Amino acid sequence: MKNKRFVFDTNILLVSISGKSPYHWIFQSVLNHDFELAVTNDILSEYEEIISNKYSKSVAQNVVRTLLLLSNVILTNIYFNWNLIKHDRDDDKFADCAIASNSDALITNDKHFNILKKVPFPKVTVMNIFEFESIIKDNILATEAPRH
């Protein structure tokens, strides 16, 4: 099975950083190369800003630096802005990244992204954290060697 590629809205990365979070498996899965994560410079800047506000500047810099060093993190260039999310234009960067990187889905718990489910073209699949968990855990189990 080919590597799946995803885009994370900032809220998904934010809740997965802490080792005490029930969603830490997400960040761990990025580190384990369980899938590809597509990002842009704008997305990385937002990650850094929001993580700095929640944790600290050094934590934010370390997270972004780590992402940039991982071979499964795909730095994507945006050549066209689709302007698909009317309620929060700042969220367009995630949809544009998903389109430009040919990602399998955009992962978010933000309801502003639900509009993408109604857009026939370009098609952007939107999943919440629980749908994402189901796909990733199934994929990890399918790739594990059978035990005897």
Protein backbone atom coordinates (compact mmCIF):
# COMPACT_ATOMS: atom_id res chain seq x y z
CA MET A 1 0.00 0.00 0.00
CA LYS A 2 1.36 3.41 -0.92
CA ASN A 3 2.10 5.86 1.82
CA LYS A 4 -0.94 7.94 2.66
CA ARG A 5 -0.45 11.70 2.61
CA PHE A 6 -2.30 14.10 4.90
CA VAL A 7 -2.47 17.76 5.84
CA PHE A 8 -3.04 18.67 9.50
CA ASP A 9 -4.95 21.72 10.56
CA THR A 10 -3.06 23.36 13.41
CA ASN A 11 -5.52 22.09 16.04
CA ILE A 12 -4.60 18.49 15.18
CA LEU A 13 -0.86 19.01 15.58
CA LEU A 14 -1.38 21.09 18.70
CA VAL A 15 -3.33 18.41 20.59
CA SER A 16 -0.82 15.70 19.63
CA ILE A 17 2.45 17.21 20.85
CA SER A 18 2.24 16.52 24.57
CA GLY A 19 3.19 13.03 25.69
CA LYS A 20 0.29 13.28 28.15
CA SER A 21 -2.29 13.87 25.41
CA PRO A 22 -4.61 11.03 24.37
CA TYR A 23 -3.78 12.15 20.81
CA HIS A 24 -0.01 11.90 21.18
CA TRP A 25 -0.13 8.83 18.94
CA ILE A 26 -0.60 11.27 16.03
CA PHE A 27 2.70 13.05 16.59
CA GLN A 28 4.36 9.70 17.29
CA SER A 29 3.00 8.36 13.99
CA VAL A 30 4.57 11.30 12.15
CA LEU A 31 7.90 10.55 13.84
CA ASN A 32 7.52 6.84 12.96
CA HIS A 33 6.95 7.64 9.27
CA ASP A 34 3.54 5.92 9.32
CA PHE A 35 2.33 8.37 6.65
CA GLU A 36 3.41 11.53 4.85
CA LEU A 37 2.53 14.96 6.20
CA ALA A 38 2.26 17.79 3.66
CA VAL A 39 3.06 21.31 4.86
CA THR A 40 3.79 24.73 3.41
CA ASN A 41 5.87 27.57 4.80
CA ASP A 42 2.63 29.34 5.80
CA ILE A 43 1.42 26.26 7.64
CA LEU A 44 4.74 25.84 9.44
CA SER A 45 4.60 29.51 10.47
CA GLU A 46 1.12 29.04 11.89
CA TYR A 47 2.18 25.86 13.69
CA GLU A 48 5.07 27.74 15.26
CA GLU A 49 2.92 30.72 16.29
CA ILE A 50 0.14 28.65 17.87
CA ILE A 51 2.48 26.17 19.59
CA SER A 52 4.48 29.11 20.99
CA ASN A 53 1.28 30.54 22.48
CA LYS A 54 0.24 27.21 24.01
CA TYR A 55 3.65 25.90 25.14
CA SER A 56 6.73 28.02 24.52
CA LYS A 57 8.81 29.46 21.70
CA SER A 58 11.50 26.79 22.16
CA VAL A 59 8.97 23.94 22.03
CA ALA A 60 7.47 25.44 18.87
CA GLN A 61 10.87 25.82 17.22
CA ASN A 62 11.81 22.24 18.13
CA VAL A 63 8.57 20.85 16.71
CA VAL A 64 8.95 22.76 13.43
CA ARG A 65 12.65 21.88 13.17
CA THR A 66 11.83 18.21 13.76
CA LEU A 67 9.14 18.25 11.08
CA LEU A 68 11.55 19.78 8.58
CA LEU A 69 14.12 17.05 9.25
CA LEU A 70 11.71 14.17 8.64
CA SER A 71 11.78 12.59 5.19
CA ASN A 72 8.02 11.89 5.36
CA VAL A 73 7.19 15.59 5.79
CA ILE A 74 6.62 17.03 2.34
CA LEU A 75 7.28 20.76 1.94
CA THR A 76 4.74 21.86 -0.65
CA ASN A 77 4.66 24.98 -2.80
CA ILE A 78 1.33 26.62 -3.52
CA TYR A 79 1.00 28.05 -7.01
CA PHE A 80 -2.73 28.76 -6.97
CA ASN A 81 -5.06 29.92 -4.20
CA TRP A 82 -8.49 28.32 -4.53
CA ASN A 83 -10.24 30.48 -1.87
CA LEU A 84 -12.66 27.69 -0.94
CA ILE A 85 -13.27 28.50 2.75
CA LYS A 86 -15.35 31.67 2.90
CA HIS A 87 -15.95 31.69 6.68
CA ASP A 88 -12.27 31.73 7.63
CA ARG A 89 -9.87 32.72 4.85
CA ASP A 90 -6.91 31.84 7.06
CA ASP A 91 -7.92 28.18 6.71
CA ASP A 92 -7.52 28.30 2.92
CA LYS A 93 -3.79 27.54 3.27
CA PHE A 94 -4.62 24.02 4.49
CA ALA A 95 -7.06 23.30 1.66
CA ASP A 96 -4.60 24.71 -0.89
CA CYS A 97 -1.84 22.51 0.53
CA ALA A 98 -4.06 19.42 0.38
CA ILE A 99 -4.82 20.14 -3.27
CA ALA A 100 -1.25 21.03 -4.30
CA SER A 101 0.27 18.02 -2.52
CA ASN A 102 -2.36 15.58 -3.77
CA SER A 103 -3.08 14.59 -0.17
CA ASP A 104 -5.48 11.82 0.71
CA ALA A 105 -7.23 14.02 3.29
CA LEU A 106 -7.14 17.16 5.37
CA ILE A 107 -7.41 16.33 9.08
CA THR A 108 -9.25 18.82 11.27
CA ASN A 109 -11.87 19.20 13.96
CA ASP A 110 -12.70 22.73 12.74
CA LYS A 111 -16.24 22.96 11.33
CA HIS A 112 -15.19 25.72 8.89
CA PHE A 113 -13.70 22.98 6.73
CA ASN A 114 -17.06 21.19 6.30
CA ILE A 115 -17.76 23.45 3.30
CA LEU A 116 -15.12 21.44 1.42
CA LYS A 117 -17.40 18.40 1.54
CA LYS A 118 -19.79 20.28 -0.76
CA VAL A 119 -17.17 21.44 -3.28
CA PRO A 120 -17.14 19.08 -6.28
CA PHE A 121 -13.87 20.43 -7.69
CA PRO A 122 -11.17 20.48 -6.59
CA LYS A 123 -12.04 17.57 -4.33
CA VAL A 124 -10.61 17.77 -0.82
CA THR A 125 -11.44 14.94 1.57
CA VAL A 126 -11.91 16.21 5.11
CA MET A 127 -11.64 13.89 8.13
CA ASN A 128 -11.96 14.50 11.82
CA ILE A 129 -9.47 13.10 14.30
CA PHE A 130 -11.51 9.93 14.93
CA GLU A 131 -11.89 9.07 11.23
CA PHE A 132 -8.15 9.65 10.84
CA GLU A 133 -7.38 7.40 13.80
CA SER A 134 -9.38 4.57 12.30
CA ILE A 135 -7.54 4.76 8.97
CA ILE A 136 -4.06 5.07 10.48
CA LYS A 137 -4.48 2.33 13.06
CA ASP A 138 -5.96 -0.02 10.44
CA ASN A 139 -3.04 0.77 8.12
CA ILE A 140 -0.46 0.18 10.87
CA LEU A 141 -2.07 -3.14 11.80
CA ALA A 142 -2.17 -4.22 8.14
CA THR A 143 1.55 -3.56 7.70
CA GLU A 144 2.67 -5.34 10.87
CA ALA A 145 4.08 -8.80 10.35
CA PRO A 146 1.88 -11.66 11.54
CA ARG A 147 2.91 -13.09 14.88
CA HIS A 148 3.22 -16.84 15.47
